[in-house]
Structures are given as structure tokens and as C-alpha cells.
């Protein structure tokens, strides 16, 4: 759900630490 997606994106650990890009779904 769009609202939850926005909330999650706000707390993600940066790419420089995880090597995980911000991916869809």
C-alpha cells in the first residue's frame, strides 16, 4: 500500500551500508 511504502522508505538503511537499492514491490 502506498502509505506503508512511503513509511518504509523513510526508515530504510542507506545503500552505502546495505548494498540494497530501493526496489519496487
PDBML (XML) file of the C-alpha atoms, coordinates in Angstrom:
<?xml version="1.0" encoding="UTF-8" ?>
<PDBx:datablock datablockName="MODEL"
   xmlns:PDBx="http://pdbml.pdb.org/schema/pdbx-v50.xsd"
   xmlns:xsi="http://www.w3.org/2001/XMLSchema-instance"
   xsi:schemaLocation="http://pdbml.pdb.org/schema/pdbx-v50.xsd pdbx-v50.xsd">
   <PDBx:atom_siteCategory>
      <PDBx:atom_site id="1">
         <PDBx:B_iso_or_equiv>0.00</PDBx:B_iso_or_equiv>
         <PDBx:Cartn_x>0.000</PDBx:Cartn_x>
         <PDBx:Cartn_y>0.000</PDBx:Cartn_y>
         <PDBx:Cartn_z>0.000</PDBx:Cartn_z>
         <PDBx:auth_asym_id>A</PDBx:auth_asym_id>
         <PDBx:auth_atom_id>CA</PDBx:auth_atom_id>
         <PDBx:auth_comp_id>UNK</PDBx:auth_comp_id>
         <PDBx:auth_seq_id>1</PDBx:auth_seq_id>
         <PDBx:group_PDB>ATOM</PDBx:group_PDB>
         <PDBx:label_alt_id xsi:nil="true" />
         <PDBx:label_asym_id>A</PDBx:label_asym_id>
         <PDBx:label_atom_id>CA</PDBx:label_atom_id>
         <PDBx:label_comp_id>UNK</PDBx:label_comp_id>
         <PDBx:label_entity_id>1</PDBx:label_entity_id>
         <PDBx:label_seq_id>1</PDBx:label_seq_id>
         <PDBx:occupancy>1.00</PDBx:occupancy>
         <PDBx:pdbx_PDB_model_num>1</PDBx:pdbx_PDB_model_num>
         <PDBx:type_symbol>C</PDBx:type_symbol>
      </PDBx:atom_site>
      <PDBx:atom_site id="2">
         <PDBx:B_iso_or_equiv>0.00</PDBx:B_iso_or_equiv>
         <PDBx:Cartn_x>1.308</PDBx:Cartn_x>
         <PDBx:Cartn_y>3.424</PDBx:Cartn_y>
         <PDBx:Cartn_z>-0.984</PDBx:Cartn_z>
         <PDBx:auth_asym_id>A</PDBx:auth_asym_id>
         <PDBx:auth_atom_id>CA</PDBx:auth_atom_id>
         <PDBx:auth_comp_id>UNK</PDBx:auth_comp_id>
         <PDBx:auth_seq_id>2</PDBx:auth_seq_id>
         <PDBx:group_PDB>ATOM</PDBx:group_PDB>
         <PDBx:label_alt_id xsi:nil="true" />
         <PDBx:label_asym_id>A</PDBx:label_asym_id>
         <PDBx:label_atom_id>CA</PDBx:label_atom_id>
         <PDBx:label_comp_id>UNK</PDBx:label_comp_id>
         <PDBx:label_entity_id>1</PDBx:label_entity_id>
         <PDBx:label_seq_id>2</PDBx:label_seq_id>
         <PDBx:occupancy>1.00</PDBx:occupancy>
         <PDBx:pdbx_PDB_model_num>1</PDBx:pdbx_PDB_model_num>
         <PDBx:type_symbol>C</PDBx:type_symbol>
      </PDBx:atom_site>
      <PDBx:atom_site id="3">
         <PDBx:B_iso_or_equiv>0.00</PDBx:B_iso_or_equiv>
         <PDBx:Cartn_x>1.172</PDBx:Cartn_x>
         <PDBx:Cartn_y>4.900</PDBx:Cartn_y>
         <PDBx:Cartn_z>2.526</PDBx:Cartn_z>
         <PDBx:auth_asym_id>A</PDBx:auth_asym_id>
         <PDBx:auth_atom_id>CA</PDBx:auth_atom_id>
         <PDBx:auth_comp_id>UNK</PDBx:auth_comp_id>
         <PDBx:auth_seq_id>3</PDBx:auth_seq_id>
         <PDBx:group_PDB>ATOM</PDBx:group_PDB>
         <PDBx:label_alt_id xsi:nil="true" />
         <PDBx:label_asym_id>A</PDBx:label_asym_id>
         <PDBx:label_atom_id>CA</PDBx:label_atom_id>
         <PDBx:label_comp_id>UNK</PDBx:label_comp_id>
         <PDBx:label_entity_id>1</PDBx:label_entity_id>
         <PDBx:label_seq_id>3</PDBx:label_seq_id>
         <PDBx:occupancy>1.00</PDBx:occupancy>
         <PDBx:pdbx_PDB_model_num>1</PDBx:pdbx_PDB_model_num>
         <PDBx:type_symbol>C</PDBx:type_symbol>
      </PDBx:atom_site>
      <PDBx:atom_site id="4">
         <PDBx:B_iso_or_equiv>0.00</PDBx:B_iso_or_equiv>
         <PDBx:Cartn_x>3.075</PDBx:Cartn_x>
         <PDBx:Cartn_y>1.979</PDBx:Cartn_y>
         <PDBx:Cartn_z>4.031</PDBx:Cartn_z>
         <PDBx:auth_asym_id>A</PDBx:auth_asym_id>
         <PDBx:auth_atom_id>CA</PDBx:auth_atom_id>
         <PDBx:auth_comp_id>UNK</PDBx:auth_comp_id>
         <PDBx:auth_seq_id>4</PDBx:auth_seq_id>
         <PDBx:group_PDB>ATOM</PDBx:group_PDB>
         <PDBx:label_alt_id xsi:nil="true" />
         <PDBx:label_asym_id>A</PDBx:label_asym_id>
         <PDBx:label_atom_id>CA</PDBx:label_atom_id>
         <PDBx:label_comp_id>UNK</PDBx:label_comp_id>
         <PDBx:label_entity_id>1</PDBx:label_entity_id>
         <PDBx:label_seq_id>4</PDBx:label_seq_id>
         <PDBx:occupancy>1.00</PDBx:occupancy>
         <PDBx:pdbx_PDB_model_num>1</PDBx:pdbx_PDB_model_num>
         <PDBx:type_symbol>C</PDBx:type_symbol>
      </PDBx:atom_site>
      <PDBx:atom_site id="5">
         <PDBx:B_iso_or_equiv>0.00</PDBx:B_iso_or_equiv>
         <PDBx:Cartn_x>5.592</PDBx:Cartn_x>
         <PDBx:Cartn_y>2.099</PDBx:Cartn_y>
         <PDBx:Cartn_z>1.207</PDBx:Cartn_z>
         <PDBx:auth_asym_id>A</PDBx:auth_asym_id>
         <PDBx:auth_atom_id>CA</PDBx:auth_atom_id>
         <PDBx:auth_comp_id>UNK</PDBx:auth_comp_id>
         <PDBx:auth_seq_id>5</PDBx:auth_seq_id>
         <PDBx:group_PDB>ATOM</PDBx:group_PDB>
         <PDBx:label_alt_id xsi:nil="true" />
         <PDBx:label_asym_id>A</PDBx:label_asym_id>
         <PDBx:label_atom_id>CA</PDBx:label_atom_id>
         <PDBx:label_comp_id>UNK</PDBx:label_comp_id>
         <PDBx:label_entity_id>1</PDBx:label_entity_id>
         <PDBx:label_seq_id>5</PDBx:label_seq_id>
         <PDBx:occupancy>1.00</PDBx:occupancy>
         <PDBx:pdbx_PDB_model_num>1</PDBx:pdbx_PDB_model_num>
         <PDBx:type_symbol>C</PDBx:type_symbol>
      </PDBx:atom_site>
      <PDBx:atom_site id="6">
         <PDBx:B_iso_or_equiv>0.00</PDBx:B_iso_or_equiv>
         <PDBx:Cartn_x>6.322</PDBx:Cartn_x>
         <PDBx:Cartn_y>5.751</PDBx:Cartn_y>
         <PDBx:Cartn_z>1.964</PDBx:Cartn_z>
         <PDBx:auth_asym_id>A</PDBx:auth_asym_id>
         <PDBx:auth_atom_id>CA</PDBx:auth_atom_id>
         <PDBx:auth_comp_id>UNK</PDBx:auth_comp_id>
         <PDBx:auth_seq_id>6</PDBx:auth_seq_id>
         <PDBx:group_PDB>ATOM</PDBx:group_PDB>
         <PDBx:label_alt_id xsi:nil="true" />
         <PDBx:label_asym_id>A</PDBx:label_asym_id>
         <PDBx:label_atom_id>CA</PDBx:label_atom_id>
         <PDBx:label_comp_id>UNK</PDBx:label_comp_id>
         <PDBx:label_entity_id>1</PDBx:label_entity_id>
         <PDBx:label_seq_id>6</PDBx:label_seq_id>
         <PDBx:occupancy>1.00</PDBx:occupancy>
         <PDBx:pdbx_PDB_model_num>1</PDBx:pdbx_PDB_model_num>
         <PDBx:type_symbol>C</PDBx:type_symbol>
      </PDBx:atom_site>
      <PDBx:atom_site id="7">
         <PDBx:B_iso_or_equiv>0.00</PDBx:B_iso_or_equiv>
         <PDBx:Cartn_x>6.697</PDBx:Cartn_x>
         <PDBx:Cartn_y>4.990</PDBx:Cartn_y>
         <PDBx:Cartn_z>5.669</PDBx:Cartn_z>
         <PDBx:auth_asym_id>A</PDBx:auth_asym_id>
         <PDBx:auth_atom_id>CA</PDBx:auth_atom_id>
         <PDBx:auth_comp_id>UNK</PDBx:auth_comp_id>
         <PDBx:auth_seq_id>7</PDBx:auth_seq_id>
         <PDBx:group_PDB>ATOM</PDBx:group_PDB>
         <PDBx:label_alt_id xsi:nil="true" />
         <PDBx:label_asym_id>A</PDBx:label_asym_id>
         <PDBx:label_atom_id>CA</PDBx:label_atom_id>
         <PDBx:label_comp_id>UNK</PDBx:label_comp_id>
         <PDBx:label_entity_id>1</PDBx:label_entity_id>
         <PDBx:label_seq_id>7</PDBx:label_seq_id>
         <PDBx:occupancy>1.00</PDBx:occupancy>
         <PDBx:pdbx_PDB_model_num>1</PDBx:pdbx_PDB_model_num>
         <PDBx:type_symbol>C</PDBx:type_symbol>
      </PDBx:atom_site>
      <PDBx:atom_site id="8">
         <PDBx:B_iso_or_equiv>0.00</PDBx:B_iso_or_equiv>
         <PDBx:Cartn_x>9.101</PDBx:Cartn_x>
         <PDBx:Cartn_y>2.154</PDBx:Cartn_y>
         <PDBx:Cartn_z>4.966</PDBx:Cartn_z>
         <PDBx:auth_asym_id>A</PDBx:auth_asym_id>
         <PDBx:auth_atom_id>CA</PDBx:auth_atom_id>
         <PDBx:auth_comp_id>UNK</PDBx:auth_comp_id>
         <PDBx:auth_seq_id>8</PDBx:auth_seq_id>
         <PDBx:group_PDB>ATOM</PDBx:group_PDB>
         <PDBx:label_alt_id xsi:nil="true" />
         <PDBx:label_asym_id>A</PDBx:label_asym_id>
         <PDBx:label_atom_id>CA</PDBx:label_atom_id>
         <PDBx:label_comp_id>UNK</PDBx:label_comp_id>
         <PDBx:label_entity_id>1</PDBx:label_entity_id>
         <PDBx:label_seq_id>8</PDBx:label_seq_id>
         <PDBx:occupancy>1.00</PDBx:occupancy>
         <PDBx:pdbx_PDB_model_num>1</PDBx:pdbx_PDB_model_num>
         <PDBx:type_symbol>C</PDBx:type_symbol>
      </PDBx:atom_site>
      <PDBx:atom_site id="9">
         <PDBx:B_iso_or_equiv>0.00</PDBx:B_iso_or_equiv>
         <PDBx:Cartn_x>11.187</PDBx:Cartn_x>
         <PDBx:Cartn_y>4.181</PDBx:Cartn_y>
         <PDBx:Cartn_z>2.516</PDBx:Cartn_z>
         <PDBx:auth_asym_id>A</PDBx:auth_asym_id>
         <PDBx:auth_atom_id>CA</PDBx:auth_atom_id>
         <PDBx:auth_comp_id>UNK</PDBx:auth_comp_id>
         <PDBx:auth_seq_id>9</PDBx:auth_seq_id>
         <PDBx:group_PDB>ATOM</PDBx:group_PDB>
         <PDBx:label_alt_id xsi:nil="true" />
         <PDBx:label_asym_id>A</PDBx:label_asym_id>
         <PDBx:label_atom_id>CA</PDBx:label_atom_id>
         <PDBx:label_comp_id>UNK</PDBx:label_comp_id>
         <PDBx:label_entity_id>1</PDBx:label_entity_id>
         <PDBx:label_seq_id>9</PDBx:label_seq_id>
         <PDBx:occupancy>1.00</PDBx:occupancy>
         <PDBx:pdbx_PDB_model_num>1</PDBx:pdbx_PDB_model_num>
         <PDBx:type_symbol>C</PDBx:type_symbol>
      </PDBx:atom_site>
      <PDBx:atom_site id="10">
         <PDBx:B_iso_or_equiv>0.00</PDBx:B_iso_or_equiv>
         <PDBx:Cartn_x>11.663</PDBx:Cartn_x>
         <PDBx:Cartn_y>6.788</PDBx:Cartn_y>
         <PDBx:Cartn_z>5.243</PDBx:Cartn_z>
         <PDBx:auth_asym_id>A</PDBx:auth_asym_id>
         <PDBx:auth_atom_id>CA</PDBx:auth_atom_id>
         <PDBx:auth_comp_id>UNK</PDBx:auth_comp_id>
         <PDBx:auth_seq_id>10</PDBx:auth_seq_id>
         <PDBx:group_PDB>ATOM</PDBx:group_PDB>
         <PDBx:label_alt_id xsi:nil="true" />
         <PDBx:label_asym_id>A</PDBx:label_asym_id>
         <PDBx:label_atom_id>CA</PDBx:label_atom_id>
         <PDBx:label_comp_id>UNK</PDBx:label_comp_id>
         <PDBx:label_entity_id>1</PDBx:label_entity_id>
         <PDBx:label_seq_id>10</PDBx:label_seq_id>
         <PDBx:occupancy>1.00</PDBx:occupancy>
         <PDBx:pdbx_PDB_model_num>1</PDBx:pdbx_PDB_model_num>
         <PDBx:type_symbol>C</PDBx:type_symbol>
      </PDBx:atom_site>
      <PDBx:atom_site id="11">
         <PDBx:B_iso_or_equiv>0.00</PDBx:B_iso_or_equiv>
         <PDBx:Cartn_x>13.339</PDBx:Cartn_x>
         <PDBx:Cartn_y>4.300</PDBx:Cartn_y>
         <PDBx:Cartn_z>7.622</PDBx:Cartn_z>
         <PDBx:auth_asym_id>A</PDBx:auth_asym_id>
         <PDBx:auth_atom_id>CA</PDBx:auth_atom_id>
         <PDBx:auth_comp_id>UNK</PDBx:auth_comp_id>
         <PDBx:auth_seq_id>11</PDBx:auth_seq_id>
         <PDBx:group_PDB>ATOM</PDBx:group_PDB>
         <PDBx:label_alt_id xsi:nil="true" />
         <PDBx:label_asym_id>A</PDBx:label_asym_id>
         <PDBx:label_atom_id>CA</PDBx:label_atom_id>
         <PDBx:label_comp_id>UNK</PDBx:label_comp_id>
         <PDBx:label_entity_id>1</PDBx:label_entity_id>
         <PDBx:label_seq_id>11</PDBx:label_seq_id>
         <PDBx:occupancy>1.00</PDBx:occupancy>
         <PDBx:pdbx_PDB_model_num>1</PDBx:pdbx_PDB_model_num>
         <PDBx:type_symbol>C</PDBx:type_symbol>
      </PDBx:atom_site>
      <PDBx:atom_site id="12">
         <PDBx:B_iso_or_equiv>0.00</PDBx:B_iso_or_equiv>
         <PDBx:Cartn_x>15.481</PDBx:Cartn_x>
         <PDBx:Cartn_y>2.251</PDBx:Cartn_y>
         <PDBx:Cartn_z>5.207</PDBx:Cartn_z>
         <PDBx:auth_asym_id>A</PDBx:auth_asym_id>
         <PDBx:auth_atom_id>CA</PDBx:auth_atom_id>
         <PDBx:auth_comp_id>UNK</PDBx:auth_comp_id>
         <PDBx:auth_seq_id>12</PDBx:auth_seq_id>
         <PDBx:group_PDB>ATOM</PDBx:group_PDB>
         <PDBx:label_alt_id xsi:nil="true" />
         <PDBx:label_asym_id>A</PDBx:label_asym_id>
         <PDBx:label_atom_id>CA</PDBx:label_atom_id>
         <PDBx:label_comp_id>UNK</PDBx:label_comp_id>
         <PDBx:label_entity_id>1</PDBx:label_entity_id>
         <PDBx:label_seq_id>12</PDBx:label_seq_id>
         <PDBx:occupancy>1.00</PDBx:occupancy>
         <PDBx:pdbx_PDB_model_num>1</PDBx:pdbx_PDB_model_num>
         <PDBx:type_symbol>C</PDBx:type_symbol>
      </PDBx:atom_site>
      <PDBx:atom_site id="13">
         <PDBx:B_iso_or_equiv>0.00</PDBx:B_iso_or_equiv>
         <PDBx:Cartn_x>19.192</PDBx:Cartn_x>
         <PDBx:Cartn_y>1.950</PDBx:Cartn_y>
         <PDBx:Cartn_z>5.937</PDBx:Cartn_z>
         <PDBx:auth_asym_id>A</PDBx:auth_asym_id>
         <PDBx:auth_atom_id>CA</PDBx:auth_atom_id>
         <PDBx:auth_comp_id>UNK</PDBx:auth_comp_id>
         <PDBx:auth_seq_id>13</PDBx:auth_seq_id>
         <PDBx:group_PDB>ATOM</PDBx:group_PDB>
         <PDBx:label_alt_id xsi:nil="true" />
         <PDBx:label_asym_id>A</PDBx:label_asym_id>
         <PDBx:label_atom_id>CA</PDBx:label_atom_id>
         <PDBx:label_comp_id>UNK</PDBx:label_comp_id>
         <PDBx:label_entity_id>1</PDBx:label_entity_id>
         <PDBx:label_seq_id>13</PDBx:label_seq_id>
         <PDBx:occupancy>1.00</PDBx:occupancy>
         <PDBx:pdbx_PDB_model_num>1</PDBx:pdbx_PDB_model_num>
         <PDBx:type_symbol>C</PDBx:type_symbol>
      </PDBx:atom_site>
      <PDBx:atom_site id="14">
         <PDBx:B_iso_or_equiv>0.00</PDBx:B_iso_or_equiv>
         <PDBx:Cartn_x>21.230</PDBx:Cartn_x>
         <PDBx:Cartn_y>3.766</PDBx:Cartn_y>
         <PDBx:Cartn_z>3.236</PDBx:Cartn_z>
         <PDBx:auth_asym_id>A</PDBx:auth_asym_id>
         <PDBx:auth_atom_id>CA</PDBx:auth_atom_id>
         <PDBx:auth_comp_id>UNK</PDBx:auth_comp_id>
         <PDBx:auth_seq_id>14</PDBx:auth_seq_id>
         <PDBx:group_PDB>ATOM</PDBx:group_PDB>
         <PDBx:label_alt_id xsi:nil="true" />
         <PDBx:label_asym_id>A</PDBx:label_asym_id>
         <PDBx:label_atom_id>CA</PDBx:label_atom_id>
         <PDBx:label_comp_id>UNK</PDBx:label_comp_id>
         <PDBx:label_entity_id>1</PDBx:label_entity_id>
         <PDBx:label_seq_id>14</PDBx:label_seq_id>
         <PDBx:occupancy>1.00</PDBx:occupancy>
         <PDBx:pdbx_PDB_model_num>1</PDBx:pdbx_PDB_model_num>
         <PDBx:type_symbol>C</PDBx:type_symbol>
      </PDBx:atom_site>
      <PDBx:atom_site id="15">
         <PDBx:B_iso_or_equiv>0.00</PDBx:B_iso_or_equiv>
         <PDBx:Cartn_x>22.512</PDBx:Cartn_x>
         <PDBx:Cartn_y>1.897</PDBx:Cartn_y>
         <PDBx:Cartn_z>0.182</PDBx:Cartn_z>
         <PDBx:auth_asym_id>A</PDBx:auth_asym_id>
         <PDBx:auth_atom_id>CA</PDBx:auth_atom_id>
         <PDBx:auth_comp_id>UNK</PDBx:auth_comp_id>
         <PDBx:auth_seq_id>15</PDBx:auth_seq_id>
         <PDBx:group_PDB>ATOM</PDBx:group_PDB>
         <PDBx:label_alt_id xsi:nil="true" />
         <PDBx:label_asym_id>A</PDBx:label_asym_id>
         <PDBx:label_atom_id>CA</PDBx:label_atom_id>
         <PDBx:label_comp_id>UNK</PDBx:label_comp_id>
         <PDBx:label_entity_id>1</PDBx:label_entity_id>
         <PDBx:label_seq_id>15</PDBx:label_seq_id>
         <PDBx:occupancy>1.00</PDBx:occupancy>
         <PDBx:pdbx_PDB_model_num>1</PDBx:pdbx_PDB_model_num>
         <PDBx:type_symbol>C</PDBx:type_symbol>
      </PDBx:atom_site>
      <PDBx:atom_site id="16">
         <PDBx:B_iso_or_equiv>0.00</PDBx:B_iso_or_equiv>
         <PDBx:Cartn_x>26.107</PDBx:Cartn_x>
         <PDBx:Cartn_y>2.606</PDBx:Cartn_y>
         <PDBx:Cartn_z>1.192</PDBx:Cartn_z>
         <PDBx:auth_asym_id>A</PDBx:auth_asym_id>
         <PDBx:auth_atom_id>CA</PDBx:auth_atom_id>
         <PDBx:auth_comp_id>UNK</PDBx:auth_comp_id>
         <PDBx:auth_seq_id>16</PDBx:auth_seq_id>
         <PDBx:group_PDB>ATOM</PDBx:group_PDB>
         <PDBx:label_alt_id xsi:nil="true" />
         <PDBx:label_asym_id>A</PDBx:label_asym_id>
         <PDBx:label_atom_id>CA</PDBx:label_atom_id>
         <PDBx:label_comp_id>UNK</PDBx:label_comp_id>
         <PDBx:label_entity_id>1</PDBx:label_entity_id>
         <PDBx:label_seq_id>16</PDBx:label_seq_id>
         <PDBx:occupancy>1.00</PDBx:occupancy>
         <PDBx:pdbx_PDB_model_num>1</PDBx:pdbx_PDB_model_num>
         <PDBx:type_symbol>C</PDBx:type_symbol>
      </PDBx:atom_site>
      <PDBx:atom_site id="17">
         <PDBx:B_iso_or_equiv>0.00</PDBx:B_iso_or_equiv>
         <PDBx:Cartn_x>25.692</PDBx:Cartn_x>
         <PDBx:Cartn_y>0.264</PDBx:Cartn_y>
         <PDBx:Cartn_z>4.166</PDBx:Cartn_z>
         <PDBx:auth_asym_id>A</PDBx:auth_asym_id>
         <PDBx:auth_atom_id>CA</PDBx:auth_atom_id>
         <PDBx:auth_comp_id>UNK</PDBx:auth_comp_id>
         <PDBx:auth_seq_id>17</PDBx:auth_seq_id>
         <PDBx:group_PDB>ATOM</PDBx:group_PDB>
         <PDBx:label_alt_id xsi:nil="true" />
         <PDBx:label_asym_id>A</PDBx:label_asym_id>
         <PDBx:label_atom_id>CA</PDBx:label_atom_id>
         <PDBx:label_comp_id>UNK</PDBx:label_comp_id>
         <PDBx:label_entity_id>1</PDBx:label_entity_id>
         <PDBx:label_seq_id>17</PDBx:label_seq_id>
         <PDBx:occupancy>1.00</PDBx:occupancy>
         <PDBx:pdbx_PDB_model_num>1</PDBx:pdbx_PDB_model_num>
         <PDBx:type_symbol>C</PDBx:type_symbol>
      </PDBx:atom_site>
      <PDBx:atom_site id="18">
         <PDBx:B_iso_or_equiv>0.00</PDBx:B_iso_or_equiv>
         <PDBx:Cartn_x>23.456</PDBx:Cartn_x>
         <PDBx:Cartn_y>-2.473</PDBx:Cartn_y>
         <PDBx:Cartn_z>2.756</PDBx:Cartn_z>
         <PDBx:auth_asym_id>A</PDBx:auth_asym_id>
         <PDBx:auth_atom_id>CA</PDBx:auth_atom_id>
         <PDBx:auth_comp_id>UNK</PDBx:auth_comp_id>
         <PDBx:auth_seq_id>18</PDBx:auth_seq_id>
         <PDBx:group_PDB>ATOM</PDBx:group_PDB>
         <PDBx:label_alt_id xsi:nil="true" />
         <PDBx:label_asym_id>A</PDBx:label_asym_id>
         <PDBx:label_atom_id>CA</PDBx:label_atom_id>
         <PDBx:label_comp_id>UNK</PDBx:label_comp_id>
         <PDBx:label_entity_id>1</PDBx:label_entity_id>
         <PDBx:label_seq_id>18</PDBx:label_seq_id>
         <PDBx:occupancy>1.00</PDBx:occupancy>
         <PDBx:pdbx_PDB_model_num>1</PDBx:pdbx_PDB_model_num>
         <PDBx:type_symbol>C</PDBx:type_symbol>
      </PDBx:atom_site>
      <PDBx:atom_site id="19">
         <PDBx:B_iso_or_equiv>0.00</PDBx:B_iso_or_equiv>
         <PDBx:Cartn_x>24.179</PDBx:Cartn_x>
         <PDBx:Cartn_y>-2.516</PDBx:Cartn_y>
         <PDBx:Cartn_z>-0.983</PDBx:Cartn_z>
         <PDBx:auth_asym_id>A</PDBx:auth_asym_id>
         <PDBx:auth_atom_id>CA</PDBx:auth_atom_id>
         <PDBx:auth_comp_id>UNK</PDBx:auth_comp_id>
         <PDBx:auth_seq_id>19</PDBx:auth_seq_id>
         <PDBx:group_PDB>ATOM</PDBx:group_PDB>
         <PDBx:label_alt_id xsi:nil="true" />
         <PDBx:label_asym_id>A</PDBx:label_asym_id>
         <PDBx:label_atom_id>CA</PDBx:label_atom_id>
         <PDBx:label_comp_id>UNK</PDBx:label_comp_id>
         <PDBx:label_entity_id>1</PDBx:label_entity_id>
         <PDBx:label_seq_id>19</PDBx:label_seq_id>
         <PDBx:occupancy>1.00</PDBx:occupancy>
         <PDBx:pdbx_PDB_model_num>1</PDBx:pdbx_PDB_model_num>
         <PDBx:type_symbol>C</PDBx:type_symbol>
      </PDBx:atom_site>
      <PDBx:atom_site id="20">
         <PDBx:B_iso_or_equiv>0.00</PDBx:B_iso_or_equiv>
         <PDBx:Cartn_x>20.398</PDBx:Cartn_x>
         <PDBx:Cartn_y>-2.879</PDBx:Cartn_y>
         <PDBx:Cartn_z>-1.375</PDBx:Cartn_z>
         <PDBx:auth_asym_id>A</PDBx:auth_asym_id>
         <PDBx:auth_atom_id>CA</PDBx:auth_atom_id>
         <PDBx:auth_comp_id>UNK</PDBx:auth_comp_id>
         <PDBx:auth_seq_id>20</PDBx:auth_seq_id>
         <PDBx:group_PDB>ATOM</PDBx:group_PDB>
         <PDBx:label_alt_id xsi:nil="true" />
         <PDBx:label_asym_id>A</PDBx:label_asym_id>
         <PDBx:label_atom_id>CA</PDBx:label_atom_id>
         <PDBx:label_comp_id>UNK</PDBx:label_comp_id>
         <PDBx:label_entity_id>1</PDBx:label_entity_id>
         <PDBx:label_seq_id>20</PDBx:label_seq_id>
         <PDBx:occupancy>1.00</PDBx:occupancy>
         <PDBx:pdbx_PDB_model_num>1</PDBx:pdbx_PDB_model_num>
         <PDBx:type_symbol>C</PDBx:type_symbol>
      </PDBx:atom_site>
      <PDBx:atom_site id="21">
         <PDBx:B_iso_or_equiv>0.00</PDBx:B_iso_or_equiv>
         <PDBx:Cartn_x>18.795</PDBx:Cartn_x>
         <PDBx:Cartn_y>-0.488</PDBx:Cartn_y>
         <PDBx:Cartn_z>-3.865</PDBx:Cartn_z>
         <PDBx:auth_asym_id>A</PDBx:auth_asym_id>
         <PDBx:auth_atom_id>CA</PDBx:auth_atom_id>
         <PDBx:auth_comp_id>UNK</PDBx:auth_comp_id>
         <PDBx:auth_seq_id>21</PDBx:auth_seq_id>
         <PDBx:group_PDB>ATOM</PDBx:group_PDB>
         <PDBx:label_alt_id xsi:nil="true" />
         <PDBx:label_asym_id>A</PDBx:label_asym_id>
         <PDBx:label_atom_id>CA</PDBx:label_atom_id>
         <PDBx:label_comp_id>UNK</PDBx:label_comp_id>
         <PDBx:label_entity_id>1</PDBx:label_entity_id>
         <PDBx:label_seq_id>21</PDBx:label_seq_id>
         <PDBx:occupancy>1.00</PDBx:occupancy>
         <PDBx:pdbx_PDB_model_num>1</PDBx:pdbx_PDB_model_num>
         <PDBx:type_symbol>C</PDBx:type_symbol>
      </PDBx:atom_site>
      <PDBx:atom_site id="22">
         <PDBx:B_iso_or_equiv>0.00</PDBx:B_iso_or_equiv>
         <PDBx:Cartn_x>15.309</PDBx:Cartn_x>
         <PDBx:Cartn_y>0.772</PDBx:Cartn_y>
         <PDBx:Cartn_z>-3.161</PDBx:Cartn_z>
         <PDBx:auth_asym_id>A</PDBx:auth_asym_id>
         <PDBx:auth_atom_id>CA</PDBx:auth_atom_id>
         <PDBx:auth_comp_id>UNK</PDBx:auth_comp_id>
         <PDBx:auth_seq_id>22</PDBx:auth_seq_id>
         <PDBx:group_PDB>ATOM</PDBx:group_PDB>
         <PDBx:label_alt_id xsi:nil="true" />
         <PDBx:label_asym_id>A</PDBx:label_asym_id>
         <PDBx:label_atom_id>CA</PDBx:label_atom_id>
         <PDBx:label_comp_id>UNK</PDBx:label_comp_id>
         <PDBx:label_entity_id>1</PDBx:label_entity_id>
         <PDBx:label_seq_id>22</PDBx:label_seq_id>
         <PDBx:occupancy>1.00</PDBx:occupancy>
         <PDBx:pdbx_PDB_model_num>1</PDBx:pdbx_PDB_model_num>
         <PDBx:type_symbol>C</PDBx:type_symbol>
      </PDBx:atom_site>
      <PDBx:atom_site id="23">
         <PDBx:B_iso_or_equiv>0.00</PDBx:B_iso_or_equiv>
         <PDBx:Cartn_x>13.344</PDBx:Cartn_x>
         <PDBx:Cartn_y>-1.720</PDBx:Cartn_y>
         <PDBx:Cartn_z>-5.242</PDBx:Cartn_z>
         <PDBx:auth_asym_id>A</PDBx:auth_asym_id>
         <PDBx:auth_atom_id>CA</PDBx:auth_atom_id>
         <PDBx:auth_comp_id>UNK</PDBx:auth_comp_id>
         <PDBx:auth_seq_id>23</PDBx:auth_seq_id>
         <PDBx:group_PDB>ATOM</PDBx:group_PDB>
         <PDBx:label_alt_id xsi:nil="true" />
         <PDBx:label_asym_id>A</PDBx:label_asym_id>
         <PDBx:label_atom_id>CA</PDBx:label_atom_id>
         <PDBx:label_comp_id>UNK</PDBx:label_comp_id>
         <PDBx:label_entity_id>1</PDBx:label_entity_id>
         <PDBx:label_seq_id>23</PDBx:label_seq_id>
         <PDBx:occupancy>1.00</PDBx:occupancy>
         <PDBx:pdbx_PDB_model_num>1</PDBx:pdbx_PDB_model_num>
         <PDBx:type_symbol>C</PDBx:type_symbol>
      </PDBx:atom_site>
      <PDBx:atom_site id="24">
         <PDBx:B_iso_or_equiv>0.00</PDBx:B_iso_or_equiv>
         <PDBx:Cartn_x>9.651</PDBx:Cartn_x>
         <PDBx:Cartn_y>-1.856</PDBx:Cartn_y>
         <PDBx:Cartn_z>-6.118</PDBx:Cartn_z>
         <PDBx:auth_asym_id>A</PDBx:auth_asym_id>
         <PDBx:auth_atom_id>CA</PDBx:auth_atom_id>
         <PDBx:auth_comp_id>UNK</PDBx:auth_comp_id>
         <PDBx:auth_seq_id>24</PDBx:auth_seq_id>
         <PDBx:group_PDB>ATOM</PDBx:group_PDB>
         <PDBx:label_alt_id xsi:nil="true" />
         <PDBx:label_asym_id>A</PDBx:label_asym_id>
         <PDBx:label_atom_id>CA</PDBx:label_atom_id>
         <PDBx:label_comp_id>UNK</PDBx:label_comp_id>
         <PDBx:label_entity_id>1</PDBx:label_entity_id>
         <PDBx:label_seq_id>24</PDBx:label_seq_id>
         <PDBx:occupancy>1.00</PDBx:occupancy>
         <PDBx:pdbx_PDB_model_num>1</PDBx:pdbx_PDB_model_num>
         <PDBx:type_symbol>C</PDBx:type_symbol>
      </PDBx:atom_site>
      <PDBx:atom_site id="25">
         <PDBx:B_iso_or_equiv>0.00</PDBx:B_iso_or_equiv>
         <PDBx:Cartn_x>7.003</PDBx:Cartn_x>
         <PDBx:Cartn_y>-4.065</PDBx:Cartn_y>
         <PDBx:Cartn_z>-4.534</PDBx:Cartn_z>
         <PDBx:auth_asym_id>A</PDBx:auth_asym_id>
         <PDBx:auth_atom_id>CA</PDBx:auth_atom_id>
         <PDBx:auth_comp_id>UNK</PDBx:auth_comp_id>
         <PDBx:auth_seq_id>25</PDBx:auth_seq_id>
         <PDBx:group_PDB>ATOM</PDBx:group_PDB>
         <PDBx:label_alt_id xsi:nil="true" />
         <PDBx:label_asym_id>A</PDBx:label_asym_id>
         <PDBx:label_atom_id>CA</PDBx:label_atom_id>
         <PDBx:label_comp_id>UNK</PDBx:label_comp_id>
         <PDBx:label_entity_id>1</PDBx:label_entity_id>
         <PDBx:label_seq_id>25</PDBx:label_seq_id>
         <PDBx:occupancy>1.00</PDBx:occupancy>
         <PDBx:pdbx_PDB_model_num>1</PDBx:pdbx_PDB_model_num>
         <PDBx:type_symbol>C</PDBx:type_symbol>
      </PDBx:atom_site>
   </PDBx:atom_siteCategory>
</PDBx:datablock>
